Amino acid sequence: MPTSDDSATGSRIAERRKLARLTQKQLAARIPYSYSLLNQVECGARAASDDFVHAVAEVLGIDPSLLTEPARVTSAQADRLAAIMHPISAARWRVSRPSGD
């Protein structure tokens, strides 16, 4: 039975495939695996083997770890995100706060 990691791998494959502007059928035609298996992996119904991940990564021109490992956010990226979000959160708070009228 597939695990949440398998589902995440499938989601990453789908995301990277779409970034490459490929349909499932186009990607499946370029790897030695069926369209049906690709669809099942992307949906999280089947686990992706290491060979499958490597074949997909090769066609997409990326490192296989981008499909299997969680995205890493550096502390600098987290700090930038917090800096961007602070004024947005403050503005939302001001808008949602009832006026004293």
N, C-alpha and C. Protein backbone atom coordinates (compact mmCIF):
# COMPACT_ATOMS: atom_id res chain seq x y z
N MET A 1 0.84 -1.18 0.00
CA MET A 1 0.00 0.00 0.00
C MET A 1 0.89 1.25 0.00
N PRO A 2 0.57 2.23 -0.85
CA PRO A 2 1.37 3.45 -0.91
C PRO A 2 1.32 4.24 0.40
N THR A 3 2.41 4.92 0.70
CA THR A 3 2.48 5.75 1.90
C THR A 3 2.33 7.22 1.52
N SER A 4 2.31 8.09 2.53
CA SER A 4 2.20 9.52 2.24
C SER A 4 3.42 10.01 1.47
N ASP A 5 4.59 9.40 1.72
CA ASP A 5 5.80 9.76 0.96
C ASP A 5 5.62 9.41 -0.51
N ASP A 6 4.99 8.25 -0.79
CA ASP A 6 4.74 7.85 -2.16
C ASP A 6 3.80 8.84 -2.85
N SER A 7 2.80 9.27 -2.12
CA SER A 7 1.86 10.24 -2.66
C SER A 7 2.55 11.57 -2.95
N ALA A 8 3.45 11.97 -2.05
CA ALA A 8 4.20 13.21 -2.25
C ALA A 8 5.10 13.09 -3.47
N THR A 9 5.71 11.94 -3.67
CA THR A 9 6.54 11.73 -4.86
C THR A 9 5.69 11.86 -6.11
N GLY A 10 4.53 11.27 -6.10
CA GLY A 10 3.62 11.38 -7.25
C GLY A 10 3.22 12.81 -7.52
N SER A 11 2.95 13.56 -6.47
CA SER A 11 2.58 14.97 -6.62
C SER A 11 3.74 15.77 -7.20
N ARG A 12 4.95 15.47 -6.74
CA ARG A 12 6.13 16.18 -7.26
C ARG A 12 6.37 15.84 -8.73
N ILE A 13 6.15 14.58 -9.09
CA ILE A 13 6.28 14.19 -10.50
C ILE A 13 5.28 14.98 -11.34
N ALA A 14 4.04 15.03 -10.88
CA ALA A 14 3.00 15.76 -11.63
C ALA A 14 3.37 17.24 -11.76
N GLU A 15 3.84 17.83 -10.67
CA GLU A 15 4.21 19.25 -10.69
C GLU A 15 5.34 19.51 -11.68
N ARG A 16 6.38 18.69 -11.62
CA ARG A 16 7.53 18.87 -12.51
C ARG A 16 7.15 18.58 -13.97
N ARG A 17 6.28 17.60 -14.18
CA ARG A 17 5.81 17.29 -15.53
C ARG A 17 5.08 18.50 -16.12
N LYS A 18 4.22 19.10 -15.32
CA LYS A 18 3.46 20.26 -15.78
C LYS A 18 4.38 21.45 -16.05
N LEU A 19 5.40 21.63 -15.19
CA LEU A 19 6.38 22.70 -15.43
C LEU A 19 7.11 22.49 -16.76
N ALA A 20 7.29 21.23 -17.13
CA ALA A 20 7.94 20.90 -18.40
C ALA A 20 6.95 20.97 -19.56
N ARG A 21 5.71 21.31 -19.25
CA ARG A 21 4.64 21.43 -20.25
C ARG A 21 4.41 20.12 -21.00
N LEU A 22 4.41 19.03 -20.24
CA LEU A 22 4.13 17.71 -20.80
C LEU A 22 2.83 17.17 -20.23
N THR A 23 2.08 16.47 -21.05
CA THR A 23 0.92 15.74 -20.56
C THR A 23 1.41 14.41 -20.01
N GLN A 24 0.55 13.72 -19.31
CA GLN A 24 0.93 12.39 -18.82
C GLN A 24 1.26 11.48 -19.99
N LYS A 25 0.47 11.54 -21.04
CA LYS A 25 0.72 10.68 -22.20
C LYS A 25 2.05 11.01 -22.87
N GLN A 26 2.40 12.29 -22.94
CA GLN A 26 3.67 12.67 -23.54
C GLN A 26 4.85 12.17 -22.70
N LEU A 27 4.75 12.32 -21.39
CA LEU A 27 5.83 11.83 -20.53
C LEU A 27 5.92 10.32 -20.59
N ALA A 28 4.78 9.65 -20.54
CA ALA A 28 4.78 8.18 -20.58
C ALA A 28 5.41 7.66 -21.87
N ALA A 29 5.24 8.38 -22.95
CA ALA A 29 5.81 7.95 -24.23
C ALA A 29 7.34 8.05 -24.22
N ARG A 30 7.88 8.83 -23.30
CA ARG A 30 9.33 9.05 -23.26
C ARG A 30 10.04 8.19 -22.20
N ILE A 31 9.28 7.47 -21.40
CA ILE A 31 9.87 6.61 -20.37
C ILE A 31 9.48 5.16 -20.67
N PRO A 32 10.23 4.20 -20.15
CA PRO A 32 9.91 2.80 -20.42
C PRO A 32 8.83 2.24 -19.47
N TYR A 33 7.83 3.07 -19.18
CA TYR A 33 6.72 2.67 -18.32
C TYR A 33 5.43 3.13 -18.95
N SER A 34 4.35 2.50 -18.55
CA SER A 34 3.05 2.80 -19.18
C SER A 34 2.42 4.09 -18.66
N TYR A 35 1.54 4.61 -19.48
CA TYR A 35 0.74 5.77 -19.09
C TYR A 35 -0.06 5.45 -17.84
N SER A 36 -0.60 4.24 -17.78
CA SER A 36 -1.41 3.82 -16.64
C SER A 36 -0.61 3.87 -15.34
N LEU A 37 0.62 3.38 -15.37
CA LEU A 37 1.46 3.41 -14.17
C LEU A 37 1.77 4.86 -13.79
N LEU A 38 2.12 5.68 -14.75
CA LEU A 38 2.41 7.09 -14.47
C LEU A 38 1.20 7.75 -13.81
N ASN A 39 0.02 7.50 -14.35
CA ASN A 39 -1.20 8.07 -13.78
C ASN A 39 -1.41 7.60 -12.35
N GLN A 40 -1.21 6.33 -12.09
CA GLN A 40 -1.40 5.78 -10.75
C GLN A 40 -0.39 6.35 -9.77
N VAL A 41 0.85 6.52 -10.20
CA VAL A 41 1.88 7.10 -9.33
C VAL A 41 1.54 8.54 -9.01
N GLU A 42 1.17 9.31 -10.02
CA GLU A 42 0.84 10.72 -9.79
C GLU A 42 -0.37 10.88 -8.87
N CYS A 43 -1.30 9.96 -8.95
CA CYS A 43 -2.50 10.01 -8.09
C CYS A 43 -2.25 9.44 -6.70
N GLY A 44 -1.10 8.81 -6.50
CA GLY A 44 -0.78 8.23 -5.20
C GLY A 44 -1.31 6.84 -4.99
N ALA A 45 -1.86 6.22 -6.05
CA ALA A 45 -2.41 4.87 -5.93
C ALA A 45 -1.33 3.80 -5.97
N ARG A 46 -0.19 4.10 -6.57
CA ARG A 46 0.94 3.17 -6.64
C ARG A 46 2.21 3.88 -6.25
N ALA A 47 3.09 3.15 -5.62
CA ALA A 47 4.40 3.69 -5.26
C ALA A 47 5.30 3.69 -6.49
N ALA A 48 6.17 4.69 -6.55
CA ALA A 48 7.14 4.78 -7.65
C ALA A 48 8.41 4.05 -7.25
N SER A 49 8.87 3.16 -8.11
CA SER A 49 10.13 2.48 -7.85
C SER A 49 11.27 3.47 -8.11
N ASP A 50 12.45 3.12 -7.60
CA ASP A 50 13.62 3.97 -7.85
C ASP A 50 13.90 4.10 -9.34
N ASP A 51 13.76 2.99 -10.07
CA ASP A 51 14.00 3.02 -11.51
C ASP A 51 12.99 3.94 -12.21
N PHE A 52 11.75 3.90 -11.77
CA PHE A 52 10.71 4.75 -12.34
C PHE A 52 11.07 6.22 -12.12
N VAL A 53 11.42 6.56 -10.88
CA VAL A 53 11.78 7.94 -10.54
C VAL A 53 12.97 8.40 -11.37
N HIS A 54 13.97 7.55 -11.51
CA HIS A 54 15.16 7.92 -12.30
C HIS A 54 14.81 8.13 -13.77
N ALA A 55 13.93 7.30 -14.31
CA ALA A 55 13.54 7.45 -15.71
C ALA A 55 12.80 8.77 -15.92
N VAL A 56 11.89 9.10 -15.01
CA VAL A 56 11.14 10.36 -15.11
C VAL A 56 12.09 11.55 -14.98
N ALA A 57 12.97 11.48 -13.99
CA ALA A 57 13.91 12.58 -13.76
C ALA A 57 14.82 12.79 -14.98
N GLU A 58 15.24 11.72 -15.59
CA GLU A 58 16.11 11.84 -16.76
C GLU A 58 15.39 12.57 -17.90
N VAL A 59 14.14 12.20 -18.14
CA VAL A 59 13.37 12.85 -19.21
C VAL A 59 13.14 14.32 -18.87
N LEU A 60 12.88 14.62 -17.60
CA LEU A 60 12.62 16.00 -17.20
C LEU A 60 13.89 16.81 -17.03
N GLY A 61 15.04 16.14 -17.07
CA GLY A 61 16.32 16.83 -16.95
C GLY A 61 16.58 17.38 -15.56
N ILE A 62 16.14 16.64 -14.55
CA ILE A 62 16.32 17.09 -13.16
C ILE A 62 16.94 15.98 -12.33
N ASP A 63 17.42 16.35 -11.16
CA ASP A 63 17.96 15.36 -10.22
C ASP A 63 16.80 14.57 -9.61
N PRO A 64 16.91 13.25 -9.52
CA PRO A 64 15.83 12.45 -8.94
C PRO A 64 15.43 12.86 -7.53
N SER A 65 16.36 13.43 -6.78
CA SER A 65 16.02 13.83 -5.40
C SER A 65 14.96 14.91 -5.37
N LEU A 66 14.83 15.68 -6.46
CA LEU A 66 13.78 16.69 -6.51
C LEU A 66 12.39 16.06 -6.54
N LEU A 67 12.32 14.79 -6.92
CA LEU A 67 11.04 14.09 -6.96
C LEU A 67 10.76 13.29 -5.70
N THR A 68 11.81 12.98 -4.95
CA THR A 68 11.62 12.09 -3.80
C THR A 68 11.80 12.75 -2.45
N GLU A 69 12.54 13.82 -2.41
CA GLU A 69 12.81 14.47 -1.12
C GLU A 69 11.94 15.70 -0.95
N PRO A 70 11.52 15.98 0.28
CA PRO A 70 10.72 17.18 0.51
C PRO A 70 11.52 18.43 0.17
N ALA A 71 10.81 19.44 -0.28
CA ALA A 71 11.47 20.71 -0.58
C ALA A 71 12.03 21.28 0.70
N ARG A 72 13.22 21.82 0.61
CA ARG A 72 13.86 22.41 1.78
C ARG A 72 13.76 23.93 1.70
N VAL A 73 13.37 24.51 2.81
CA VAL A 73 13.29 25.97 2.91
C VAL A 73 14.42 26.41 3.83
N THR A 74 15.27 27.27 3.32
CA THR A 74 16.38 27.76 4.13
C THR A 74 15.88 28.80 5.12
N SER A 75 16.65 29.07 6.12
CA SER A 75 16.24 30.08 7.11
C SER A 75 16.15 31.45 6.45
N ALA A 76 17.00 31.72 5.48
CA ALA A 76 16.92 33.00 4.77
C ALA A 76 15.60 33.10 4.00
N GLN A 77 15.18 32.01 3.37
CA GLN A 77 13.90 32.01 2.66
C GLN A 77 12.74 32.19 3.64
N ALA A 78 12.82 31.53 4.77
CA ALA A 78 11.77 31.67 5.78
C ALA A 78 11.70 33.09 6.30
N ASP A 79 12.87 33.72 6.51
CA ASP A 79 12.90 35.11 6.97
C ASP A 79 12.29 36.05 5.94
N ARG A 80 12.62 35.82 4.66
CA ARG A 80 12.05 36.67 3.59
C ARG A 80 10.54 36.50 3.52
N LEU A 81 10.08 35.27 3.65
CA LEU A 81 8.64 35.01 3.62
C LEU A 81 7.95 35.70 4.78
N ALA A 82 8.53 35.62 5.97
CA ALA A 82 7.95 36.28 7.14
C ALA A 82 7.90 37.78 6.93
N ALA A 83 8.95 38.36 6.34
CA ALA A 83 8.98 39.80 6.08
C ALA A 83 7.90 40.20 5.08
N ILE A 84 7.66 39.36 4.10
CA ILE A 84 6.62 39.65 3.11
C ILE A 84 5.23 39.51 3.73
N MET A 85 5.05 38.50 4.56
CA MET A 85 3.74 38.21 5.12
C MET A 85 3.32 39.19 6.22
N HIS A 86 4.27 39.77 6.93
CA HIS A 86 3.93 40.65 8.05
C HIS A 86 3.02 41.81 7.64
N PRO A 87 3.36 42.59 6.62
CA PRO A 87 2.47 43.69 6.25
C PRO A 87 1.12 43.20 5.71
N ILE A 88 1.12 42.05 5.08
CA ILE A 88 -0.15 41.50 4.58
C ILE A 88 -1.04 41.12 5.75
N SER A 89 -0.46 40.45 6.74
CA SER A 89 -1.23 40.07 7.93
C SER A 89 -1.74 41.29 8.67
N ALA A 90 -0.89 42.31 8.78
CA ALA A 90 -1.29 43.54 9.48
C ALA A 90 -2.43 44.22 8.74
N ALA A 91 -2.37 44.26 7.43
CA ALA A 91 -3.43 44.89 6.63
C ALA A 91 -4.73 44.11 6.76
N ARG A 92 -4.65 42.80 6.75
CA ARG A 92 -5.86 41.98 6.91
C ARG A 92 -6.48 42.23 8.27
N TRP A 93 -5.65 42.38 9.29
CA TRP A 93 -6.15 42.60 10.63
C TRP A 93 -6.87 43.96 10.69
N ARG A 94 -6.28 44.97 10.07
CA ARG A 94 -6.91 46.30 10.07
C ARG A 94 -8.23 46.29 9.32
N VAL A 95 -8.30 45.56 8.23
CA VAL A 95 -9.53 45.51 7.43
C VAL A 95 -10.62 44.74 8.16
N SER A 96 -10.25 43.65 8.83
CA SER A 96 -11.26 42.82 9.48
C SER A 96 -11.68 43.34 10.85
N ARG A 97 -10.93 44.29 11.40
CA ARG A 97 -11.25 44.83 12.72
C ARG A 97 -12.47 45.73 12.61
N PRO A 98 -13.44 45.55 13.49
CA PRO A 98 -14.63 46.42 13.41
C PRO A 98 -14.25 47.87 13.72
N SER A 99 -14.83 48.75 12.95
CA SER A 99 -14.54 50.18 13.19
C SER A 99 -15.32 50.64 14.39
N GLY A 100 -14.83 51.67 15.04
CA GLY A 100 -15.46 52.18 16.27
C GLY A 100 -16.62 53.11 16.00
N ASP A 101 -17.15 53.15 14.79
CA ASP A 101 -18.22 54.09 14.46
C ASP A 101 -19.50 53.74 15.10
